[in-house]
């Protein structure tokens, strides 16, 4: 009996020690991965925005779900809080989303605003991301944390930076709807530009920027627009992650990303673009693309890198 009690004591002590060690280890990992620091942006707010947009109650941010209104309200609220000003009477640009192969018509809304430049207010850099995703399929929510709550949250962070550091050129910020339905929001925007086409210097598009096992972020488009490469190279030298170019040649087939997100609508109209994104991962367009699977440290550094690139484009043009 005493021997059994002694055994139970040591067994319990071992189990307790292992549990504590595991908790400490997890705590250390979480402290490193979920609480990155930044001198350029509010990292905690960036992560809160991504988490909010990719939460279950957003139901995948699809225009066919009533909950899309919640996502739209949040995007508009964060536009205001980030210092973006409407270009007209409101941030909204309404359009019709049409489904392929059916007569279904849904209400689409792009959100558009600006931060005025101090030297060249009549010249524009357009920063974009799509806020929609795939909704609910077969009873599963496709939260789209990386695709593309990450780009949408980055819009707010980029705007907040330039609200505090006024750019030379005016920046237009656009959160597009219906990218997942054939770039319809971006196509509508480009067909109904709020400024003269010749006043647009370039489009900077962000789509899937919050995770990469290789620590790699791609800047796509320099093959088509080589004059944009110096700003990318300068940002790459300062970046704490790997900023690479590529994925923009037709001979690459499916690995050519030239038309694979909203920047494609700009490129078709010969408006220069740079697209920031990561290579596909195992959760791409799956219900497992959740906030829990992003990489906070990489994400914050990616957004910092994009801000540095925007600074470069603003100074060079």
C-alpha atoms as a PDB file:
ATOM      1  CA  UNK A   1       0.000   0.000   0.000  1.00  0.00           C
ATOM      2  CA  UNK A   2       2.697   2.503   0.887  1.00  0.00           C
ATOM      3  CA  UNK A   3       4.745   1.384  -2.079  1.00  0.00           C
ATOM      4  CA  UNK A   4       1.713   1.955  -4.366  1.00  0.00           C
ATOM      5  CA  UNK A   5       1.146   5.380  -2.805  1.00  0.00           C
ATOM      6  CA  UNK A   6       4.797   6.239  -3.353  1.00  0.00           C
ATOM      7  CA  UNK A   7       4.506   5.138  -6.978  1.00  0.00           C
ATOM      8  CA  UNK A   8       1.365   7.193  -7.512  1.00  0.00           C
ATOM      9  CA  UNK A   9       3.097  10.225  -6.017  1.00  0.00           C
ATOM     10  CA  UNK A  10       6.041  10.029  -8.385  1.00  0.00           C
ATOM     11  CA  UNK A  11       3.807   9.251 -11.347  1.00  0.00           C
ATOM     12  CA  UNK A  12       1.632  12.270 -10.588  1.00  0.00           C
ATOM     13  CA  UNK A  13       4.735  14.425 -10.174  1.00  0.00           C
ATOM     14  CA  UNK A  14       6.093  13.302 -13.543  1.00  0.00           C
ATOM     15  CA  UNK A  15       2.775  13.918 -15.304  1.00  0.00           C
ATOM     16  CA  UNK A  16       2.490  17.346 -13.666  1.00  0.00           C
ATOM     17  CA  UNK A  17       6.033  18.283 -14.682  1.00  0.00           C
ATOM     18  CA  UNK A  18       5.450  17.241 -18.288  1.00  0.00           C
ATOM     19  CA  UNK A  19       2.207  19.212 -18.420  1.00  0.00           C
ATOM     20  CA  UNK A  20       3.833  22.329 -17.011  1.00  0.00           C
ATOM     21  CA  UNK A  21       6.752  22.037 -19.432  1.00  0.00           C
ATOM     22  CA  UNK A  22       4.347  21.680 -22.323  1.00  0.00           C
ATOM     23  CA  UNK A  23       2.375  24.714 -21.239  1.00  0.00           C
ATOM     24  CA  UNK A  24       5.520  26.788 -20.860  1.00  0.00           C
ATOM     25  CA  UNK A  25       6.712  25.647 -24.272  1.00  0.00           C
ATOM     26  CA  UNK A  26       3.383  26.495 -25.897  1.00  0.00           C
ATOM     27  CA  UNK A  27       3.355  29.813 -24.063  1.00  0.00           C
ATOM     28  CA  UNK A  28       6.771  30.663 -25.433  1.00  0.00           C
ATOM     29  CA  UNK A  29       5.731  29.723 -28.961  1.00  0.00           C
ATOM     30  CA  UNK A  30       2.563  31.773 -28.709  1.00  0.00           C
ATOM     31  CA  UNK A  31       4.437  34.747 -27.299  1.00  0.00           C
ATOM     32  CA  UNK A  32       6.784  34.664 -30.272  1.00  0.00           C
ATOM     33  CA  UNK A  33       4.248  33.866 -32.998  1.00  0.00           C
ATOM     34  CA  UNK A  34       1.146  35.751 -31.886  1.00  0.00           C
ATOM     35  CA  UNK A  35       2.646  38.918 -30.436  1.00  0.00           C
ATOM     36  CA  UNK A  36       5.060  40.370 -33.009  1.00  0.00           C
ATOM     37  CA  UNK A  37       6.220  43.935 -32.533  1.00  0.00           C
ATOM     38  CA  UNK A  38       6.546  46.620 -35.191  1.00  0.00           C
ATOM     39  CA  UNK A  39       7.817  50.183 -35.332  1.00  0.00           C
ATOM     40  CA  UNK A  40       5.887  50.859 -38.547  1.00  0.00           C
ATOM     41  CA  UNK A  41       2.392  49.679 -37.722  1.00  0.00           C
ATOM     42  CA  UNK A  42       0.050  48.580 -34.965  1.00  0.00           C
ATOM     43  CA  UNK A  43       0.689  44.840 -35.144  1.00  0.00           C
ATOM     44  CA  UNK A  44      -1.978  43.970 -32.591  1.00  0.00           C
ATOM     45  CA  UNK A  45      -4.621  45.912 -34.533  1.00  0.00           C
ATOM     46  CA  UNK A  46      -3.525  44.305 -37.790  1.00  0.00           C
ATOM     47  CA  UNK A  47      -4.026  40.853 -36.288  1.00  0.00           C
ATOM     48  CA  UNK A  48      -7.349  41.830 -34.706  1.00  0.00           C
ATOM     49  CA  UNK A  49      -8.612  43.002 -38.076  1.00  0.00           C
ATOM     50  CA  UNK A  50      -7.609  39.761 -39.754  1.00  0.00           C
ATOM     51  CA  UNK A  51      -9.136  37.685 -36.959  1.00  0.00           C
ATOM     52  CA  UNK A  52     -12.394  39.642 -37.031  1.00  0.00           C
ATOM     53  CA  UNK A  53     -12.790  39.395 -40.796  1.00  0.00           C
ATOM     54  CA  UNK A  54     -12.100  35.655 -40.804  1.00  0.00           C
ATOM     55  CA  UNK A  55     -14.309  34.756 -37.826  1.00  0.00           C
ATOM     56  CA  UNK A  56     -17.115  32.207 -38.199  1.00  0.00           C
ATOM     57  CA  UNK A  57     -19.804  34.860 -37.775  1.00  0.00           C
ATOM     58  CA  UNK A  58     -18.707  36.440 -41.072  1.00  0.00           C
ATOM     59  CA  UNK A  59     -19.733  33.157 -42.763  1.00  0.00           C
ATOM     60  CA  UNK A  60     -17.007  33.369 -45.373  1.00  0.00           C
ATOM     61  CA  UNK A  61     -17.778  36.926 -46.576  1.00  0.00           C
ATOM     62  CA  UNK A  62     -19.828  35.891 -49.603  1.00  0.00           C
ATOM     63  CA  UNK A  63     -22.404  38.180 -51.211  1.00  0.00           C
ATOM     64  CA  UNK A  64     -25.045  35.431 -51.122  1.00  0.00           C
ATOM     65  CA  UNK A  65     -25.009  35.369 -47.308  1.00  0.00           C
ATOM     66  CA  UNK A  66     -26.921  37.951 -45.213  1.00  0.00           C
ATOM     67  CA  UNK A  67     -23.861  38.173 -42.970  1.00  0.00           C
ATOM     68  CA  UNK A  68     -21.931  39.892 -45.767  1.00  0.00           C
ATOM     69  CA  UNK A  69     -23.402  43.096 -44.354  1.00  0.00           C
ATOM     70  CA  UNK A  70     -21.389  42.541 -41.183  1.00  0.00           C
ATOM     71  CA  UNK A  71     -18.179  42.312 -43.197  1.00  0.00           C
ATOM     72  CA  UNK A  72     -19.065  45.384 -45.219  1.00  0.00           C
ATOM     73  CA  UNK A  73     -19.880  47.398 -42.122  1.00  0.00           C
ATOM     74  CA  UNK A  74     -16.534  46.428 -40.618  1.00  0.00           C
ATOM     75  CA  UNK A  75     -14.569  47.369 -43.739  1.00  0.00           C
ATOM     76  CA  UNK A  76     -16.272  50.760 -43.925  1.00  0.00           C
ATOM     77  CA  UNK A  77     -15.714  51.402 -40.205  1.00  0.00           C
ATOM     78  CA  UNK A  78     -12.011  50.571 -40.472  1.00  0.00           C
ATOM     79  CA  UNK A  79     -11.646  52.762 -43.548  1.00  0.00           C
ATOM     80  CA  UNK A  80     -12.813  55.706 -41.452  1.00  0.00           C
ATOM     81  CA  UNK A  81     -10.714  54.784 -38.427  1.00  0.00           C
ATOM     82  CA  UNK A  82      -7.595  54.376 -40.592  1.00  0.00           C
ATOM     83  CA  UNK A  83      -7.800  57.942 -41.851  1.00  0.00           C
ATOM     84  CA  UNK A  84      -9.093  57.205 -45.349  1.00  0.00           C
ATOM     85  CA  UNK A  85     -11.383  59.889 -46.774  1.00  0.00           C
ATOM     86  CA  UNK A  86     -14.210  59.218 -49.252  1.00  0.00           C
ATOM     87  CA  UNK A  87     -13.574  60.257 -52.836  1.00  0.00           C
ATOM     88  CA  UNK A  88     -17.194  61.319 -53.186  1.00  0.00           C
ATOM     89  CA  UNK A  89     -20.314  61.324 -51.056  1.00  0.00           C
ATOM     90  CA  UNK A  90     -19.462  57.937 -49.501  1.00  0.00           C
ATOM     91  CA  UNK A  91     -16.988  55.078 -49.612  1.00  0.00           C
ATOM     92  CA  UNK A  92     -19.407  52.813 -51.475  1.00  0.00           C
ATOM     93  CA  UNK A  93     -19.281  51.875 -55.126  1.00  0.00           C
ATOM     94  CA  UNK A  94     -22.309  49.702 -55.856  1.00  0.00           C
ATOM     95  CA  UNK A  95     -22.480  47.227 -58.713  1.00  0.00           C
ATOM     96  CA  UNK A  96     -24.217  44.003 -59.738  1.00  0.00           C
ATOM     97  CA  UNK A  97     -22.564  40.626 -59.237  1.00  0.00           C
ATOM     98  CA  UNK A  98     -23.646  38.237 -61.968  1.00  0.00           C
ATOM     99  CA  UNK A  99     -23.263  34.480 -61.708  1.00  0.00           C
ATOM    100  CA  UNK A 100     -21.935  32.448 -64.577  1.00  0.00           C
ATOM    101  CA  UNK A 101     -24.483  30.056 -66.022  1.00  0.00           C
ATOM    102  CA  UNK A 102     -27.476  31.501 -64.146  1.00  0.00           C
ATOM    103  CA  UNK A 103     -29.667  34.578 -63.952  1.00  0.00           C
ATOM    104  CA  UNK A 104     -28.768  35.227 -60.311  1.00  0.00           C
ATOM    105  CA  UNK A 105     -27.845  38.834 -59.595  1.00  0.00           C
ATOM    106  CA  UNK A 106     -26.379  39.854 -56.242  1.00  0.00           C
ATOM    107  CA  UNK A 107     -25.585  43.261 -54.806  1.00  0.00           C
ATOM    108  CA  UNK A 108     -21.864  44.012 -54.798  1.00  0.00           C
ATOM    109  CA  UNK A 109     -20.110  46.851 -52.987  1.00  0.00           C
ATOM    110  CA  UNK A 110     -16.570  48.129 -53.416  1.00  0.00           C
ATOM    111  CA  UNK A 111     -15.212  50.501 -50.775  1.00  0.00           C
ATOM    112  CA  UNK A 112     -13.071  53.336 -52.130  1.00  0.00           C
ATOM    113  CA  UNK A 113     -11.297  56.226 -50.437  1.00  0.00           C
ATOM    114  CA  UNK A 114      -8.108  58.252 -50.494  1.00  0.00           C
ATOM    115  CA  UNK A 115      -5.306  59.921 -48.614  1.00  0.00           C
ATOM    116  CA  UNK A 116      -4.288  63.086 -50.459  1.00  0.00           C
ATOM    117  CA  UNK A 117      -0.688  63.603 -51.486  1.00  0.00           C
ATOM    118  CA  UNK A 118       1.194  66.719 -50.446  1.00  0.00           C
ATOM    119  CA  UNK A 119       3.229  67.284 -53.640  1.00  0.00           C
ATOM    120  CA  UNK A 120       1.396  65.532 -56.470  1.00  0.00           C
ATOM    121  CA  UNK A 121      -2.203  65.327 -55.309  1.00  0.00           C
ATOM    122  CA  UNK A 122      -3.410  64.776 -58.887  1.00  0.00           C
ATOM    123  CA  UNK A 123      -1.328  61.608 -59.365  1.00  0.00           C
ATOM    124  CA  UNK A 124      -2.463  58.343 -57.798  1.00  0.00           C
ATOM    125  CA  UNK A 125      -1.172  55.026 -56.516  1.00  0.00           C
ATOM    126  CA  UNK A 126      -4.091  52.633 -56.050  1.00  0.00           C
ATOM    127  CA  UNK A 127      -3.734  50.113 -53.206  1.00  0.00           C
ATOM    128  CA  UNK A 128      -6.201  47.231 -53.372  1.00  0.00           C
ATOM    129  CA  UNK A 129      -7.343  44.000 -51.744  1.00  0.00           C
ATOM    130  CA  UNK A 130     -10.512  41.945 -52.036  1.00  0.00           C
ATOM    131  CA  UNK A 131     -12.571  41.365 -48.901  1.00  0.00           C
ATOM    132  CA  UNK A 132     -14.888  38.618 -50.189  1.00  0.00           C
ATOM    133  CA  UNK A 133     -14.368  34.870 -49.971  1.00  0.00           C
ATOM    134  CA  UNK A 134     -16.201  31.619 -50.683  1.00  0.00           C
ATOM    135  CA  UNK A 135     -18.914  31.648 -48.025  1.00  0.00           C
ATOM    136  CA  UNK A 136     -20.368  28.311 -46.889  1.00  0.00           C
ATOM    137  CA  UNK A 137     -20.095  25.101 -48.893  1.00  0.00           C
ATOM    138  CA  UNK A 138     -21.541  21.748 -47.843  1.00  0.00           C
ATOM    139  CA  UNK A 139     -22.169  23.112 -44.371  1.00  0.00           C
ATOM    140  CA  UNK A 140     -18.542  24.228 -43.851  1.00  0.00           C
ATOM    141  CA  UNK A 141     -17.457  27.864 -43.468  1.00  0.00           C
ATOM    142  CA  UNK A 142     -14.649  28.991 -45.721  1.00  0.00           C
ATOM    143  CA  UNK A 143     -13.241  31.747 -43.524  1.00  0.00           C
ATOM    144  CA  UNK A 144     -10.548  32.879 -45.942  1.00  0.00           C
ATOM    145  CA  UNK A 145      -8.082  34.156 -43.360  1.00  0.00           C
ATOM    146  CA  UNK A 146      -5.150  34.292 -45.758  1.00  0.00           C
ATOM    147  CA  UNK A 147      -7.428  34.644 -48.799  1.00  0.00           C
ATOM    148  CA  UNK A 148      -8.034  37.478 -48.321  1.00  0.00           C
ATOM    149  CA  UNK A 149      -8.747  38.804 -44.865  1.00  0.00           C
ATOM    150  CA  UNK A 150      -4.965  39.243 -44.763  1.00  0.00           C
ATOM    151  CA  UNK A 151      -4.892  41.697 -47.658  1.00  0.00           C
ATOM    152  CA  UNK A 152      -7.958  43.562 -46.418  1.00  0.00           C
ATOM    153  CA  UNK A 153      -6.527  44.053 -42.929  1.00  0.00           C
ATOM    154  CA  UNK A 154      -3.283  45.200 -44.545  1.00  0.00           C
ATOM    155  CA  UNK A 155      -5.199  47.943 -46.376  1.00  0.00           C
ATOM    156  CA  UNK A 156      -6.071  49.502 -43.028  1.00  0.00           C
ATOM    157  CA  UNK A 157      -2.485  49.223 -41.776  1.00  0.00           C
ATOM    158  CA  UNK A 158      -1.020  50.791 -44.915  1.00  0.00           C
ATOM    159  CA  UNK A 159      -3.555  53.629 -44.726  1.00  0.00           C
ATOM    160  CA  UNK A 160      -2.825  54.232 -41.048  1.00  0.00           C
ATOM    161  CA  UNK A 161       0.891  54.538 -41.809  1.00  0.00           C
ATOM    162  CA  UNK A 162       0.385  57.081 -44.580  1.00  0.00           C
ATOM    163  CA  UNK A 163      -2.151  59.034 -42.559  1.00  0.00           C
ATOM    164  CA  UNK A 164       0.711  59.725 -40.152  1.00  0.00           C
ATOM    165  CA  UNK A 165       3.331  60.091 -42.925  1.00  0.00           C
ATOM    166  CA  UNK A 166       1.640  61.982 -45.739  1.00  0.00           C
ATOM    167  CA  UNK A 167       2.744  60.658 -49.134  1.00  0.00           C
ATOM    168  CA  UNK A 168       3.921  62.800 -52.034  1.00  0.00           C
ATOM    169  CA  UNK A 169       1.292  61.289 -54.341  1.00  0.00           C
ATOM    170  CA  UNK A 170      -2.327  60.635 -53.478  1.00  0.00           C
ATOM    171  CA  UNK A 171      -3.154  57.081 -52.439  1.00  0.00           C
ATOM    172  CA  UNK A 172      -6.489  55.513 -53.365  1.00  0.00           C
ATOM    173  CA  UNK A 173      -7.532  52.557 -51.227  1.00  0.00           C
ATOM    174  CA  UNK A 174     -10.024  50.070 -52.657  1.00  0.00           C
ATOM    175  CA  UNK A 175     -11.515  47.013 -50.938  1.00  0.00           C
ATOM    176  CA  UNK A 176     -13.052  44.963 -53.727  1.00  0.00           C
ATOM    177  CA  UNK A 177     -16.029  42.645 -53.642  1.00  0.00           C
ATOM    178  CA  UNK A 178     -16.543  39.549 -55.835  1.00  0.00           C
ATOM    179  CA  UNK A 179     -12.918  38.731 -56.628  1.00  0.00           C
ATOM    180  CA  UNK A 180     -13.778  35.078 -56.091  1.00  0.00           C
ATOM    181  CA  UNK A 181     -16.512  35.443 -58.723  1.00  0.00           C
ATOM    182  CA  UNK A 182     -14.217  36.497 -61.535  1.00  0.00           C
ATOM    183  CA  UNK A 183     -12.642  39.778 -60.379  1.00  0.00           C
ATOM    184  CA  UNK A 184     -16.026  41.456 -60.834  1.00  0.00           C
ATOM    185  CA  UNK A 185     -15.464  44.196 -58.259  1.00  0.00           C
ATOM    186  CA  UNK A 186     -12.085  45.141 -59.729  1.00  0.00           C
ATOM    187  CA  UNK A 187     -13.447  45.025 -63.271  1.00  0.00           C
ATOM    188  CA  UNK A 188     -16.284  47.357 -62.303  1.00  0.00           C
ATOM    189  CA  UNK A 189     -13.855  49.749 -60.613  1.00  0.00           C
ATOM    190  CA  UNK A 190     -11.532  49.894 -63.613  1.00  0.00           C
ATOM    191  CA  UNK A 191     -14.497  50.458 -65.923  1.00  0.00           C
ATOM    192  CA  UNK A 192     -15.703  53.287 -63.674  1.00  0.00           C
ATOM    193  CA  UNK A 193     -12.525  54.918 -62.430  1.00  0.00           C
ATOM    194  CA  UNK A 194     -13.019  57.744 -59.931  1.00  0.00           C
ATOM    195  CA  UNK A 195     -10.027  59.608 -61.415  1.00  0.00           C
ATOM    196  CA  UNK A 196      -8.575  59.985 -64.903  1.00  0.00           C
ATOM    197  CA  UNK A 197      -6.805  56.858 -66.101  1.00  0.00           C
ATOM    198  CA  UNK A 198      -3.726  58.817 -67.174  1.00  0.00           C
ATOM    199  CA  UNK A 199      -3.324  60.118 -63.607  1.00  0.00           C
ATOM    200  CA  UNK A 200      -2.832  56.588 -62.208  1.00  0.00           C
ATOM    201  CA  UNK A 201       0.800  55.607 -61.671  1.00  0.00           C
ATOM    202  CA  UNK A 202       0.240  52.007 -60.655  1.00  0.00           C
ATOM    203  CA  UNK A 203      -1.878  49.488 -58.779  1.00  0.00           C
ATOM    204  CA  UNK A 204      -0.528  47.687 -55.723  1.00  0.00           C
ATOM    205  CA  UNK A 205      -2.626  44.621 -55.004  1.00  0.00           C
ATOM    206  CA  UNK A 206      -2.440  42.441 -51.870  1.00  0.00           C
ATOM    207  CA  UNK A 207      -3.948  38.954 -51.900  1.00  0.00           C
ATOM    208  CA  UNK A 208      -2.734  36.174 -49.557  1.00  0.00           C
ATOM    209  CA  UNK A 209       0.155  37.659 -47.572  1.00  0.00           C
ATOM    210  CA  UNK A 210      -0.085  36.122 -44.084  1.00  0.00           C
ATOM    211  CA  UNK A 211       1.771  32.796 -44.284  1.00  0.00           C
ATOM    212  CA  UNK A 212       4.719  31.161 -45.976  1.00  0.00           C
ATOM    213  CA  UNK A 213       6.675  28.208 -44.657  1.00  0.00           C
ATOM    214  CA  UNK A 214       9.649  29.455 -46.669  1.00  0.00           C
ATOM    215  CA  UNK A 215       9.309  33.025 -45.401  1.00  0.00           C
ATOM    216  CA  UNK A 216       8.797  34.229 -48.979  1.00  0.00           C
ATOM    217  CA  UNK A 217       6.636  37.060 -50.272  1.00  0.00           C
ATOM    218  CA  UNK A 218       6.403  37.610 -54.021  1.00  0.00           C
ATOM    219  CA  UNK A 219       6.197  40.940 -55.818  1.00  0.00           C
ATOM    220  CA  UNK A 220       4.687  40.041 -59.171  1.00  0.00           C
ATOM    221  CA  UNK A 221       4.695  42.283 -62.227  1.00  0.00           C
ATOM    222  CA  UNK A 222       8.238  43.559 -62.744  1.00  0.00           C
ATOM    223  CA  UNK A 223       8.586  41.442 -65.898  1.00  0.00           C
ATOM    224  CA  UNK A 224       5.790  43.493 -67.476  1.00  0.00           C
ATOM    225  CA  UNK A 225       6.788  46.778 -65.830  1.00  0.00           C
ATOM    226  CA  UNK A 226      10.572  46.735 -65.255  1.00  0.00           C
ATOM    227  CA  UNK A 227      10.589  50.401 -64.201  1.00  0.00           C
ATOM    228  CA  UNK A 228       8.957  49.262 -60.928  1.00  0.00           C
ATOM    229  CA  UNK A 229      11.800  46.917 -60.028  1.00  0.00           C
ATOM    230  CA  UNK A 230      14.124  49.399 -58.230  1.00  0.00           C
ATOM    231  CA  UNK A 231      11.554  50.098 -55.504  1.00  0.00           C
ATOM    232  CA  UNK A 232      11.068  46.356 -55.003  1.00  0.00           C
ATOM    233  CA  UNK A 233      14.812  45.754 -54.807  1.00  0.00           C
ATOM    234  CA  UNK A 234      15.204  48.569 -52.275  1.00  0.00           C
ATOM    235  CA  UNK A 235      12.401  47.144 -50.114  1.00  0.00           C
ATOM    236  CA  UNK A 236      13.924  43.654 -50.368  1.00  0.00           C
ATOM    237  CA  UNK A 237      17.210  44.905 -48.908  1.00  0.00           C
ATOM    238  CA  UNK A 238      15.436  46.281 -45.835  1.00  0.00           C
ATOM    239  CA  UNK A 239      12.879  43.508 -45.403  1.00  0.00           C
ATOM    240  CA  UNK A 240      13.117  40.924 -42.633  1.00  0.00           C
ATOM    241  CA  UNK A 241      11.531  38.319 -44.922  1.00  0.00           C
ATOM    242  CA  UNK A 242      12.437  37.176 -48.435  1.00  0.00           C
ATOM    243  CA  UNK A 243      10.908  39.492 -51.034  1.00  0.00           C
ATOM    244  CA  UNK A 244      11.167  37.844 -54.427  1.00  0.00           C
ATOM    245  CA  UNK A 245      10.051  38.685 -57.960  1.00  0.00           C
ATOM    246  CA  UNK A 246       8.598  36.293 -60.530  1.00  0.00           C
ATOM    247  CA  UNK A 247       5.388  34.421 -61.299  1.00  0.00           C
ATOM    248  CA  UNK A 248       4.661  36.854 -64.122  1.00  0.00           C
ATOM    249  CA  UNK A 249       5.673  35.128 -67.374  1.00  0.00           C
ATOM    250  CA  UNK A 250       3.204  33.443 -69.712  1.00  0.00           C
ATOM    251  CA  UNK A 251       5.446  30.402 -70.216  1.00  0.00           C
ATOM    252  CA  UNK A 252       5.009  29.569 -66.529  1.00  0.00           C
ATOM    253  CA  UNK A 253       1.448  28.429 -67.185  1.00  0.00           C
ATOM    254  CA  UNK A 254      -0.535  28.152 -63.944  1.00  0.00           C
ATOM    255  CA  UNK A 255       2.425  29.648 -62.083  1.00  0.00           C
ATOM    256  CA  UNK A 256       1.948  32.879 -64.024  1.00  0.00           C
ATOM    257  CA  UNK A 257      -0.079  35.054 -61.629  1.00  0.00           C
ATOM    258  CA  UNK A 258      -0.457  37.999 -63.999  1.00  0.00           C
ATOM    259  CA  UNK A 259      -4.241  37.684 -64.171  1.00  0.00           C
ATOM    260  CA  UNK A 260      -4.950  35.610 -61.058  1.00  0.00           C
ATOM    261  CA  UNK A 261      -6.193  38.394 -58.781  1.00  0.00           C
ATOM    262  CA  UNK A 262      -7.644  41.898 -59.003  1.00  0.00           C
ATOM    263  CA  UNK A 263      -4.478  43.419 -60.475  1.00  0.00           C
ATOM    264  CA  UNK A 264      -5.373  41.557 -63.680  1.00  0.00           C
ATOM    265  CA  UNK A 265      -8.198  44.027 -64.313  1.00  0.00           C
ATOM    266  CA  UNK A 266      -5.678  46.895 -64.169  1.00  0.00           C
ATOM    267  CA  UNK A 267      -3.136  45.123 -66.356  1.00  0.00           C
ATOM    268  CA  UNK A 268      -5.766  44.561 -69.072  1.00  0.00           C
ATOM    269  CA  UNK A 269      -6.127  48.342 -69.234  1.00  0.00           C
ATOM    270  CA  UNK A 270      -2.339  48.775 -69.354  1.00  0.00           C
ATOM    271  CA  UNK A 271      -2.206  50.245 -65.856  1.00  0.00           C
ATOM    272  CA  UNK A 272       1.080  49.110 -64.243  1.00  0.00           C
ATOM    273  CA  UNK A 273       0.758  46.806 -61.254  1.00  0.00           C
ATOM    274  CA  UNK A 274       2.650  45.018 -58.527  1.00  0.00           C
ATOM    275  CA  UNK A 275       0.890  42.112 -56.855  1.00  0.00           C
ATOM    276  CA  UNK A 276       2.062  40.988 -53.417  1.00  0.00           C
ATOM    277  CA  UNK A 277       1.234  37.407 -52.496  1.00  0.00           C
ATOM    278  CA  UNK A 278       2.526  34.044 -51.347  1.00  0.00           C
ATOM    279  CA  UNK A 279       2.592  30.689 -53.075  1.00  0.00           C
ATOM    280  CA  UNK A 280      -0.376  28.366 -52.517  1.00  0.00           C
ATOM    281  CA  UNK A 281      -0.452  26.416 -49.264  1.00  0.00           C
ATOM    282  CA  UNK A 282      -2.378  23.341 -48.097  1.00  0.00           C
ATOM    283  CA  UNK A 283      -5.320  25.420 -46.830  1.00  0.00           C
ATOM    284  CA  UNK A 284      -5.783  27.452 -50.002  1.00  0.00           C
ATOM    285  CA  UNK A 285      -9.524  27.579 -50.829  1.00  0.00           C
ATOM    286  CA  UNK A 286     -10.293  25.101 -48.090  1.00  0.00           C
ATOM    287  CA  UNK A 287     -12.377  25.503 -44.922  1.00  0.00           C
ATOM    288  CA  UNK A 288      -9.113  25.231 -42.966  1.00  0.00           C
ATOM    289  CA  UNK A 289      -7.908  28.659 -44.113  1.00  0.00           C
ATOM    290  CA  UNK A 290      -8.455  29.942 -40.573  1.00  0.00           C
ATOM    291  CA  UNK A 291      -6.876  32.591 -38.396  1.00  0.00           C
ATOM    292  CA  UNK A 292      -5.246  29.844 -36.316  1.00  0.00           C
ATOM    293  CA  UNK A 293      -3.164  28.834 -39.341  1.00  0.00           C
ATOM    294  CA  UNK A 294      -1.661  32.188 -40.279  1.00  0.00           C
ATOM    295  CA  UNK A 295       1.891  33.079 -39.264  1.00  0.00           C
ATOM    296  CA  UNK A 296       1.699  36.366 -37.325  1.00  0.00           C
ATOM    297  CA  UNK A 297       5.412  37.147 -37.389  1.00  0.00           C
ATOM    298  CA  UNK A 298       5.635  36.614 -41.147  1.00  0.00           C
ATOM    299  CA  UNK A 299       2.413  38.549 -41.711  1.00  0.00           C
ATOM    300  CA  UNK A 300       3.551  41.648 -39.837  1.00  0.00           C
ATOM    301  CA  UNK A 301       6.906  41.629 -41.646  1.00  0.00           C
ATOM    302  CA  UNK A 302       5.120  41.188 -44.985  1.00  0.00           C
ATOM    303  CA  UNK A 303       2.949  44.249 -44.369  1.00  0.00           C
ATOM    304  CA  UNK A 304       5.997  46.253 -43.270  1.00  0.00           C
ATOM    305  CA  UNK A 305       7.720  45.227 -46.504  1.00  0.00           C
ATOM    306  CA  UNK A 306       4.733  46.314 -48.585  1.00  0.00           C
ATOM    307  CA  UNK A 307       4.704  49.691 -46.828  1.00  0.00           C
ATOM    308  CA  UNK A 308       8.412  50.097 -47.633  1.00  0.00           C
ATOM    309  CA  UNK A 309       7.674  49.311 -51.278  1.00  0.00           C
ATOM    310  CA  UNK A 310       4.855  51.881 -51.381  1.00  0.00           C
ATOM    311  CA  UNK A 311       7.220  54.458 -49.890  1.00  0.00           C
ATOM    312  CA  UNK A 312       9.671  53.643 -52.681  1.00  0.00           C
ATOM    313  CA  UNK A 313       7.072  53.944 -55.439  1.00  0.00           C
ATOM    314  CA  UNK A 314       5.858  57.218 -53.959  1.00  0.00           C
ATOM    315  CA  UNK A 315       9.356  58.728 -53.909  1.00  0.00           C
ATOM    316  CA  UNK A 316      10.462  57.449 -57.319  1.00  0.00           C
ATOM    317  CA  UNK A 317       7.509  58.592 -59.416  1.00  0.00           C
END
